[in-house]
Amino acid sequence: MSVLNHQIVWSRDAETSARFLADMLAFEPPVKLGHFVMVQVSSDITFDFMSTDRDIMAQHYAFLVGESEFDAIFARVRERGLEHWADPKHQEPGTINHLDDGRGVYFNDPSGHELEIITRPYGSGGLEARYVNPLLTEELSASGKLPDLS
């Protein structure tokens, strides 16, 4: 079976971006290996930050965290005065979401990559959730399988 081992993350300053991720999500400190600055994000996966002067296309990285981890990370977001949003389109500033009856928030790293922390996987609350994930209802509606909820 193939398992993701590492993800190269282009950055303006690899050390700054790697340290930001490690600090914000309470990972072990980054390790420099050649031109990479690596952050261990799980037992099998590293984010390998690499500096570049080229244009960087911002990427989205979502992390599933526990409730207490969410509290700690979100506290660091607020302590640093970072802009944050409840949604990926950044239309709900300064708040979090409760999709799938969990919690989620988006914020950017120093190179503009969007980081997301969530306490419940997308769609995991099903249609019974108080805050149904709109991705679930969009998919069911498109397939004609959305039950009448009235």
C-alpha atoms as a PDB file:
ATOM      1  CA  MET A   1       0.000   0.000   0.000  1.00  0.00           C
ATOM      2  CA  SER A   2       1.264   3.479  -0.852  1.00  0.00           C
ATOM      3  CA  VAL A   3       1.220   6.093   1.878  1.00  0.00           C
ATOM      4  CA  LEU A   4       2.012   9.784   1.534  1.00  0.00           C
ATOM      5  CA  ASN A   5       5.486  10.375   2.953  1.00  0.00           C
ATOM      6  CA  HIS A   6       6.091  14.091   2.430  1.00  0.00           C
ATOM      7  CA  GLN A   7       4.623  17.213   0.879  1.00  0.00           C
ATOM      8  CA  ILE A   8       6.857  19.982  -0.466  1.00  0.00           C
ATOM      9  CA  VAL A   9       5.522  23.366   0.594  1.00  0.00           C
ATOM     10  CA  TRP A  10       6.923  26.308  -1.374  1.00  0.00           C
ATOM     11  CA  SER A  11       7.539  29.322   0.830  1.00  0.00           C
ATOM     12  CA  ARG A  12       9.006  32.823   0.807  1.00  0.00           C
ATOM     13  CA  ASP A  13      11.138  31.783   3.790  1.00  0.00           C
ATOM     14  CA  ALA A  14      11.153  28.056   4.543  1.00  0.00           C
ATOM     15  CA  GLU A  15      12.404  28.433   8.119  1.00  0.00           C
ATOM     16  CA  THR A  16       9.804  31.058   9.027  1.00  0.00           C
ATOM     17  CA  SER A  17       6.934  29.077   7.504  1.00  0.00           C
ATOM     18  CA  ALA A  18       8.049  25.780   9.026  1.00  0.00           C
ATOM     19  CA  ARG A  19       8.442  27.348  12.455  1.00  0.00           C
ATOM     20  CA  PHE A  20       5.004  28.992  12.120  1.00  0.00           C
ATOM     21  CA  LEU A  21       3.307  25.654  11.368  1.00  0.00           C
ATOM     22  CA  ALA A  22       5.170  23.838  14.138  1.00  0.00           C
ATOM     23  CA  ASP A  23       4.390  26.580  16.665  1.00  0.00           C
ATOM     24  CA  MET A  24       0.743  26.997  15.728  1.00  0.00           C
ATOM     25  CA  LEU A  25      -0.120  23.287  15.705  1.00  0.00           C
ATOM     26  CA  ALA A  26       2.311  22.289  18.491  1.00  0.00           C
ATOM     27  CA  PHE A  27       4.383  19.957  16.323  1.00  0.00           C
ATOM     28  CA  GLU A  28       8.007  19.151  17.135  1.00  0.00           C
ATOM     29  CA  PRO A  29      10.457  21.888  16.074  1.00  0.00           C
ATOM     30  CA  PRO A  30      11.409  21.882  12.375  1.00  0.00           C
ATOM     31  CA  VAL A  31      14.481  19.982  11.219  1.00  0.00           C
ATOM     32  CA  LYS A  32      16.726  21.278   8.432  1.00  0.00           C
ATOM     33  CA  LEU A  33      17.800  18.694   5.861  1.00  0.00           C
ATOM     34  CA  GLY A  34      19.651  20.115   2.874  1.00  0.00           C
ATOM     35  CA  HIS A  35      17.493  22.825   1.321  1.00  0.00           C
ATOM     36  CA  PHE A  36      14.354  21.616   3.135  1.00  0.00           C
ATOM     37  CA  VAL A  37      13.036  22.605   6.536  1.00  0.00           C
ATOM     38  CA  MET A  38      10.866  19.684   7.603  1.00  0.00           C
ATOM     39  CA  VAL A  39       7.950  19.516  10.035  1.00  0.00           C
ATOM     40  CA  GLN A  40       6.698  16.113  11.147  1.00  0.00           C
ATOM     41  CA  VAL A  41       2.892  16.438  10.846  1.00  0.00           C
ATOM     42  CA  SER A  42       2.114  12.784  11.602  1.00  0.00           C
ATOM     43  CA  SER A  43       4.110   9.649  12.302  1.00  0.00           C
ATOM     44  CA  ASP A  44       4.529   9.016   8.560  1.00  0.00           C
ATOM     45  CA  ILE A  45       4.283  12.460   6.948  1.00  0.00           C
ATOM     46  CA  THR A  46       6.473  15.549   6.835  1.00  0.00           C
ATOM     47  CA  PHE A  47       5.823  18.932   5.300  1.00  0.00           C
ATOM     48  CA  ASP A  48       9.105  19.854   3.634  1.00  0.00           C
ATOM     49  CA  PHE A  49       9.279  23.632   3.329  1.00  0.00           C
ATOM     50  CA  MET A  50      11.443  25.018   0.549  1.00  0.00           C
ATOM     51  CA  SER A  51      12.197  28.685  -0.091  1.00  0.00           C
ATOM     52  CA  THR A  52      11.595  30.154  -3.526  1.00  0.00           C
ATOM     53  CA  ASP A  53      11.538  33.564  -5.203  1.00  0.00           C
ATOM     54  CA  ARG A  54       9.061  32.311  -7.809  1.00  0.00           C
ATOM     55  CA  ASP A  55       5.348  32.981  -7.590  1.00  0.00           C
ATOM     56  CA  ILE A  56       3.698  30.754  -5.016  1.00  0.00           C
ATOM     57  CA  MET A  57       0.250  29.369  -5.653  1.00  0.00           C
ATOM     58  CA  ALA A  58      -1.376  29.225  -2.245  1.00  0.00           C
ATOM     59  CA  GLN A  59      -2.403  25.744  -1.142  1.00  0.00           C
ATOM     60  CA  HIS A  60      -4.899  24.557   1.444  1.00  0.00           C
ATOM     61  CA  TYR A  61      -3.870  22.243   4.266  1.00  0.00           C
ATOM     62  CA  ALA A  62      -6.527  20.914   6.649  1.00  0.00           C
ATOM     63  CA  PHE A  63      -5.745  19.270   9.968  1.00  0.00           C
ATOM     64  CA  LEU A  64      -8.158  17.110  11.967  1.00  0.00           C
ATOM     65  CA  VAL A  65      -7.598  17.910  15.646  1.00  0.00           C
ATOM     66  CA  GLY A  66      -9.208  17.062  18.965  1.00  0.00           C
ATOM     67  CA  GLU A  67     -11.346  19.507  20.933  1.00  0.00           C
ATOM     68  CA  SER A  68      -8.586  20.494  23.372  1.00  0.00           C
ATOM     69  CA  GLU A  69      -6.103  20.845  20.507  1.00  0.00           C
ATOM     70  CA  PHE A  70      -8.577  23.108  18.698  1.00  0.00           C
ATOM     71  CA  ASP A  71      -8.860  25.284  21.814  1.00  0.00           C
ATOM     72  CA  ALA A  72      -5.076  25.584  22.114  1.00  0.00           C
ATOM     73  CA  ILE A  73      -4.486  26.301  18.412  1.00  0.00           C
ATOM     74  CA  PHE A  74      -7.332  28.800  18.206  1.00  0.00           C
ATOM     75  CA  ALA A  75      -5.969  30.535  21.316  1.00  0.00           C
ATOM     76  CA  ARG A  76      -2.618  30.934  19.516  1.00  0.00           C
ATOM     77  CA  VAL A  77      -4.402  32.325  16.438  1.00  0.00           C
ATOM     78  CA  ARG A  78      -6.091  34.950  18.608  1.00  0.00           C
ATOM     79  CA  GLU A  79      -2.950  35.678  20.690  1.00  0.00           C
ATOM     80  CA  ARG A  80      -1.049  36.464  17.487  1.00  0.00           C
ATOM     81  CA  GLY A  81      -3.883  38.613  16.199  1.00  0.00           C
ATOM     82  CA  LEU A  82      -4.134  36.516  13.027  1.00  0.00           C
ATOM     83  CA  GLU A  83      -7.021  37.049  10.671  1.00  0.00           C
ATOM     84  CA  HIS A  84      -9.253  33.991  10.676  1.00  0.00           C
ATOM     85  CA  TRP A  85     -12.454  32.938   9.012  1.00  0.00           C
ATOM     86  CA  ALA A  86     -15.251  30.423   9.454  1.00  0.00           C
ATOM     87  CA  ASP A  87     -15.232  29.645   5.731  1.00  0.00           C
ATOM     88  CA  PRO A  88     -12.737  28.973   2.922  1.00  0.00           C
ATOM     89  CA  LYS A  89     -13.931  31.971   0.883  1.00  0.00           C
ATOM     90  CA  HIS A  90     -13.084  34.301   3.786  1.00  0.00           C
ATOM     91  CA  GLN A  91     -16.584  35.764   3.870  1.00  0.00           C
ATOM     92  CA  GLU A  92     -17.110  35.152   7.604  1.00  0.00           C
ATOM     93  CA  PRO A  93     -14.175  36.922   9.312  1.00  0.00           C
ATOM     94  CA  GLY A  94     -13.348  36.687  12.988  1.00  0.00           C
ATOM     95  CA  THR A  95     -15.418  33.595  13.717  1.00  0.00           C
ATOM     96  CA  ILE A  96     -15.412  29.793  13.518  1.00  0.00           C
ATOM     97  CA  ASN A  97     -17.847  27.306  12.011  1.00  0.00           C
ATOM     98  CA  HIS A  98     -19.682  24.416  13.648  1.00  0.00           C
ATOM     99  CA  LEU A  99     -20.124  22.168  10.614  1.00  0.00           C
ATOM    100  CA  ASP A 100     -20.914  18.540  11.344  1.00  0.00           C
ATOM    101  CA  ASP A 101     -21.466  19.674  14.948  1.00  0.00           C
ATOM    102  CA  GLY A 102     -17.749  20.209  15.378  1.00  0.00           C
ATOM    103  CA  ARG A 103     -15.631  23.313  15.067  1.00  0.00           C
ATOM    104  CA  GLY A 104     -13.492  24.667  12.236  1.00  0.00           C
ATOM    105  CA  VAL A 105     -11.450  27.745  11.411  1.00  0.00           C
ATOM    106  CA  TYR A 106      -9.203  28.962   8.597  1.00  0.00           C
ATOM    107  CA  PHE A 107      -6.077  31.136   8.842  1.00  0.00           C
ATOM    108  CA  ASN A 108      -3.065  31.830   6.613  1.00  0.00           C
ATOM    109  CA  ASP A 109       0.606  31.022   7.059  1.00  0.00           C
ATOM    110  CA  PRO A 110       3.365  33.595   6.292  1.00  0.00           C
ATOM    111  CA  SER A 111       3.492  32.556   2.598  1.00  0.00           C
ATOM    112  CA  GLY A 112      -0.276  32.762   2.124  1.00  0.00           C
ATOM    113  CA  HIS A 113      -1.087  29.058   2.372  1.00  0.00           C
ATOM    114  CA  GLU A 114      -4.462  28.493   3.988  1.00  0.00           C
ATOM    115  CA  LEU A 115      -4.440  26.345   7.099  1.00  0.00           C
ATOM    116  CA  GLU A 116      -7.648  24.827   8.401  1.00  0.00           C
ATOM    117  CA  ILE A 117      -8.273  23.043  11.670  1.00  0.00           C
ATOM    118  CA  ILE A 118     -11.430  20.976  12.145  1.00  0.00           C
ATOM    119  CA  THR A 119     -12.676  18.754  14.936  1.00  0.00           C
ATOM    120  CA  ARG A 120     -14.959  16.595  12.767  1.00  0.00           C
ATOM    121  CA  PRO A 121     -14.268  15.224   9.261  1.00  0.00           C
ATOM    122  CA  TYR A 122     -16.399  16.713   6.482  1.00  0.00           C
ATOM    123  CA  GLY A 123     -19.807  15.054   6.267  1.00  0.00           C
ATOM    124  CA  SER A 124     -19.308  13.065   9.456  1.00  0.00           C
ATOM    125  CA  GLY A 125     -22.345  14.622  11.150  1.00  0.00           C
ATOM    126  CA  GLY A 126     -24.596  13.396   8.356  1.00  0.00           C
ATOM    127  CA  LEU A 127     -28.024  14.915   7.830  1.00  0.00           C
ATOM    128  CA  GLU A 128     -28.782  14.494  11.530  1.00  0.00           C
ATOM    129  CA  ALA A 129     -26.253  17.156  12.550  1.00  0.00           C
ATOM    130  CA  ARG A 130     -27.524  20.455  13.850  1.00  0.00           C
ATOM    131  CA  TYR A 131     -25.041  22.138  11.464  1.00  0.00           C
ATOM    132  CA  VAL A 132     -25.158  19.955   8.362  1.00  0.00           C
ATOM    133  CA  ASN A 133     -22.128  20.419   6.143  1.00  0.00           C
ATOM    134  CA  PRO A 134     -23.341  22.147   2.962  1.00  0.00           C
ATOM    135  CA  LEU A 135     -20.990  19.980   0.898  1.00  0.00           C
ATOM    136  CA  LEU A 136     -23.066  16.974   1.922  1.00  0.00           C
ATOM    137  CA  THR A 137     -26.372  18.570   0.989  1.00  0.00           C
ATOM    138  CA  GLU A 138     -24.958  19.867  -2.314  1.00  0.00           C
ATOM    139  CA  GLU A 139     -23.778  16.354  -3.234  1.00  0.00           C
ATOM    140  CA  LEU A 140     -27.059  14.690  -2.266  1.00  0.00           C
ATOM    141  CA  SER A 141     -29.089  17.382  -4.024  1.00  0.00           C
ATOM    142  CA  ALA A 142     -27.020  17.024  -7.208  1.00  0.00           C
ATOM    143  CA  SER A 143     -27.530  13.244  -7.168  1.00  0.00           C
ATOM    144  CA  GLY A 144     -31.259  13.550  -6.464  1.00  0.00           C
ATOM    145  CA  LYS A 145     -30.824  11.668  -3.172  1.00  0.00           C
ATOM    146  CA  LEU A 146     -31.533  14.531  -0.768  1.00  0.00           C
ATOM    147  CA  PRO A 147     -34.477  13.497   1.416  1.00  0.00           C
ATOM    148  CA  ASP A 148     -37.301  15.917   2.139  1.00  0.00           C
ATOM    149  CA  LEU A 149     -36.271  17.495   5.460  1.00  0.00           C
ATOM    150  CA  SER A 150     -39.483  19.472   5.957  1.00  0.00           C
END
